[in-house]
Structure formats: C-alpha cells, structure tokens
Amino acid sequence: MNFTDDPLLSQVSLNLKDSWITTLRAAIRTSLRDVGKGWFNIHETNWEVYQMSKMKKFMEMVKFNMQVGSIYFFLSYLHPSVILYENTCTCIVT
C-alpha cells in the first residue's frame, strides 16, 4: 500500500504542515502578546536570554506534544491495516 496515494493521509499531512502550525502559532501569539518582558516574552531578541527562559521550555513542550499527537494519529490510522495483516498471516502460518 502506497500511503502517498491515500487521499485521507495526504489531506491530514497537508493540515499538519499548514493549518495546525498556523493555528497553533496564532493561538500562542494571541495568548502571550501582552505579557511583555519576562519569562514568556515572545519578542525576545537575545539568544542567551531565550535559552534560559520559560518560553524556550514551553516551545519545546509544544513541539513534543505535536510530535506525540502526530505519532498517535498515524498509529491509529495504521492499526486496522496491521490487524488485517496479522489475521491474514496467522491463517497462512498455522
């Protein structure tokens, strides 16, 4: 099965690359735009300060959660195919 030809997977991939990131970026900016200077300053320009800030930790957590969400989606997408192959193989091997 070629997953690049699957219209559902192609649409989800497009949404993950474009819509999800754009929506998440807008939500974070909207929520943190009035914070100003401090640990969650989205306008920080000093790299050393950013490296020590809570904003960096927050963004790493967001990235990790997006990766986990993507993994769970694709695993749930592939699960029915795996079950089908397992059932077919069990019949052939025994």
Protein backbone atom coordinates (compact mmCIF):
# COMPACT_ATOMS: atom_id res chain seq x y z
CA MET A 1 0.00 0.00 0.00
CA ASN A 2 1.42 3.36 -1.03
CA PHE A 3 0.50 5.92 1.64
CA THR A 4 1.31 8.89 -0.58
CA ASP A 5 -1.61 7.93 -2.83
CA ASP A 6 -4.09 7.81 0.06
CA PRO A 7 -6.27 10.96 -0.12
CA LEU A 8 -7.05 10.94 3.62
CA LEU A 9 -3.39 10.71 4.57
CA SER A 10 -2.47 13.40 2.03
CA GLN A 11 -5.12 15.75 3.44
CA VAL A 12 -4.04 15.11 7.02
CA SER A 13 -0.40 15.66 6.07
CA LEU A 14 -1.30 18.97 4.46
CA ASN A 15 -3.27 20.03 7.55
CA LEU A 16 -0.40 19.08 9.86
CA LYS A 17 2.09 21.05 7.78
CA ASP A 18 -0.04 24.16 7.26
CA SER A 19 -3.24 24.56 9.26
CA TRP A 20 -2.13 23.02 12.54
CA ILE A 21 1.09 25.02 12.76
CA THR A 22 -0.57 28.27 11.64
CA THR A 23 -3.43 27.88 14.11
CA LEU A 24 -1.11 26.96 16.96
CA ARG A 25 1.23 29.86 16.18
CA ALA A 26 -1.70 32.32 16.17
CA ALA A 27 -3.05 30.92 19.46
CA ILE A 28 0.33 31.21 21.20
CA ARG A 29 0.94 34.72 19.90
CA THR A 30 -2.55 35.87 20.86
CA SER A 31 -2.26 34.39 24.34
CA LEU A 32 1.22 35.75 25.06
CA ARG A 33 1.27 39.05 23.11
CA ASP A 34 0.55 41.22 26.16
CA VAL A 35 3.00 39.52 28.52
CA GLY A 36 5.87 41.84 27.65
CA LYS A 37 9.28 41.44 29.25
CA GLY A 38 9.76 38.41 31.41
CA TRP A 39 9.87 34.64 31.17
CA PHE A 40 7.29 34.37 28.34
CA ASN A 41 8.42 37.30 26.18
CA ILE A 42 7.61 36.35 22.57
CA HIS A 43 9.58 39.36 21.32
CA GLU A 44 12.89 38.33 22.92
CA THR A 45 15.85 39.02 20.62
CA ASN A 46 18.74 37.98 22.88
CA TRP A 47 19.53 34.29 22.23
CA GLU A 48 21.18 33.73 25.61
CA VAL A 49 18.18 35.13 27.46
CA TYR A 50 15.82 32.99 25.35
CA GLN A 51 17.88 29.87 26.10
CA MET A 52 17.29 30.40 29.85
CA SER A 53 13.65 31.49 29.57
CA LYS A 54 10.50 29.56 30.33
CA MET A 55 9.41 30.42 26.79
CA LYS A 56 12.01 28.03 25.37
CA LYS A 57 10.82 25.24 27.68
CA PHE A 58 7.22 25.99 26.72
CA MET A 59 8.04 25.84 23.00
CA GLU A 60 9.90 22.55 23.47
CA MET A 61 6.85 21.16 25.26
CA VAL A 62 4.59 22.32 22.41
CA LYS A 63 6.90 20.69 19.86
CA PHE A 64 6.97 17.45 21.86
CA ASN A 65 3.17 17.40 22.19
CA MET A 66 2.80 17.95 18.44
CA GLN A 67 5.17 15.05 17.75
CA VAL A 68 3.29 12.77 20.15
CA GLY A 69 -0.05 13.79 18.63
CA SER A 70 1.23 13.01 15.15
CA ILE A 71 2.56 9.63 16.25
CA TYR A 72 -0.73 8.66 17.91
CA PHE A 73 -2.69 9.74 14.84
CA PHE A 74 -0.58 7.69 12.44
CA LEU A 75 -0.57 4.68 14.74
CA SER A 76 -4.37 4.78 14.97
CA TYR A 77 -4.51 5.21 11.19
CA LEU A 78 -2.29 2.17 10.60
CA HIS A 79 -3.83 -0.06 13.29
CA PRO A 80 -6.66 -1.52 11.14
CA SER A 81 -4.16 -2.47 8.41
CA VAL A 82 -1.89 -4.14 10.96
CA ILE A 83 -4.80 -6.16 12.36
CA LEU A 84 -5.77 -7.22 8.85
CA TYR A 85 -2.23 -8.38 8.07
CA GLU A 86 -1.90 -10.15 11.43
CA ASN A 87 -5.14 -12.05 10.88
CA THR A 88 -4.15 -12.99 7.33
CA CYS A 89 -0.68 -14.12 8.34
CA THR A 90 -1.96 -16.18 11.26
CA CYS A 91 -4.16 -18.17 8.90
CA ILE A 92 -1.31 -18.80 6.48
CA VAL A 93 1.31 -19.78 9.09
CA THR A 94 -0.83 -22.27 11.02
